[in-house]
Amino acid sequence: MIQHKEIGSIDLRKKIKQKEICFGGNRKLKIYGTLKCRSGKRMKRENRVFFGSENEAKSHGYRPCGHCMKNEYKKWKNGFI
């Protein structure tokens, strides 16, 4: 997990291009989603974190986004509620 405030813009773009970062998340809400998600783009920089895989996000206790990852969110919701 990489916090947005701890990585520079150039390094961030480089890691995304090299597929080292594939998902973004909200540190306070414990939600992860795709990098293109509109909800994710609106969050504050200090709350944003990045993950290399879904498994990494899940291992840190994050749940899928209900906007950009609808199928994964439904599976998560049905498994826990």
Protein backbone atom coordinates (compact mmCIF):
# COMPACT_ATOMS: atom_id res chain seq x y z
CA MET A 1 0.00 0.00 0.00
CA ILE A 2 1.36 3.39 -1.02
CA GLN A 3 -0.06 6.61 0.36
CA HIS A 4 -0.53 9.38 -2.21
CA LYS A 5 1.09 11.99 0.01
CA GLU A 6 4.27 9.87 0.15
CA ILE A 7 4.85 9.52 -3.61
CA GLY A 8 5.71 12.15 -6.20
CA SER A 9 3.68 12.71 -9.36
CA ILE A 10 6.41 11.42 -11.68
CA ASP A 11 6.95 8.24 -9.64
CA LEU A 12 3.20 7.68 -9.45
CA ARG A 13 2.74 7.94 -13.23
CA LYS A 14 5.72 5.63 -13.76
CA LYS A 15 4.31 2.96 -11.41
CA ILE A 16 0.86 3.16 -13.06
CA LYS A 17 2.40 2.84 -16.53
CA GLN A 18 4.45 -0.18 -15.40
CA LYS A 19 1.29 -1.76 -13.87
CA GLU A 20 2.79 -1.68 -10.35
CA ILE A 21 -0.27 0.31 -9.25
CA CYS A 22 -3.66 -0.93 -10.47
CA PHE A 23 -6.16 0.20 -7.81
CA GLY A 24 -6.75 3.24 -5.63
CA GLY A 25 -8.45 3.45 -2.28
CA ASN A 26 -9.77 5.74 0.41
CA ARG A 27 -7.79 5.30 3.62
CA LYS A 28 -10.56 6.60 5.91
CA LEU A 29 -13.50 4.79 4.31
CA LYS A 30 -11.55 1.57 3.59
CA ILE A 31 -12.87 1.38 -0.01
CA TYR A 32 -10.82 0.49 -3.10
CA GLY A 33 -11.62 0.80 -6.80
CA THR A 34 -10.22 1.33 -10.27
CA LEU A 35 -7.98 4.29 -11.02
CA LYS A 36 -10.59 5.66 -13.45
CA CYS A 37 -13.43 5.76 -10.91
CA ARG A 38 -15.11 9.17 -10.64
CA SER A 39 -15.60 8.74 -6.90
CA GLY A 40 -11.92 8.00 -6.43
CA LYS A 41 -10.83 11.04 -8.41
CA ARG A 42 -12.82 13.33 -6.07
CA MET A 43 -11.27 12.16 -2.81
CA LYS A 44 -8.73 14.21 -0.92
CA ARG A 45 -5.08 13.50 -1.59
CA GLU A 46 -4.33 12.78 2.09
CA ASN A 47 -6.97 9.99 2.09
CA ARG A 48 -5.86 8.34 -1.17
CA VAL A 49 -3.81 5.13 -1.20
CA PHE A 50 -2.70 2.85 -4.03
CA PHE A 51 -2.54 -0.94 -4.40
CA GLY A 52 -0.88 -3.27 -6.86
CA SER A 53 -3.69 -5.82 -6.77
CA GLU A 54 -7.16 -6.54 -5.44
CA ASN A 55 -5.72 -9.11 -3.05
CA GLU A 56 -3.42 -6.48 -1.55
CA ALA A 57 -6.38 -4.14 -0.97
CA LYS A 58 -8.46 -6.92 0.58
CA SER A 59 -5.58 -7.99 2.83
CA HIS A 60 -5.50 -4.45 4.24
CA GLY A 61 -9.23 -4.65 5.04
CA TYR A 62 -10.62 -2.61 2.14
CA ARG A 63 -13.91 -3.37 0.38
CA PRO A 64 -14.75 -2.91 -3.34
CA CYS A 65 -16.26 0.35 -4.60
CA GLY A 66 -19.98 0.22 -5.35
CA HIS A 67 -19.62 2.55 -8.36
CA CYS A 68 -16.77 1.18 -10.47
CA MET A 69 -16.69 -2.43 -9.22
CA LYS A 70 -20.39 -3.29 -9.03
CA ASN A 71 -20.04 -7.08 -9.40
CA GLU A 72 -17.27 -7.34 -6.80
CA TYR A 73 -19.24 -5.06 -4.48
CA LYS A 74 -22.35 -7.25 -4.77
CA LYS A 75 -20.29 -10.36 -3.98
CA TRP A 76 -18.74 -8.59 -0.98
CA LYS A 77 -22.12 -7.34 0.24
CA ASN A 78 -23.80 -10.73 -0.09
CA GLY A 79 -20.95 -12.37 1.77
CA PHE A 80 -21.04 -10.01 4.74
CA ILE A 81 -24.62 -8.75 5.09
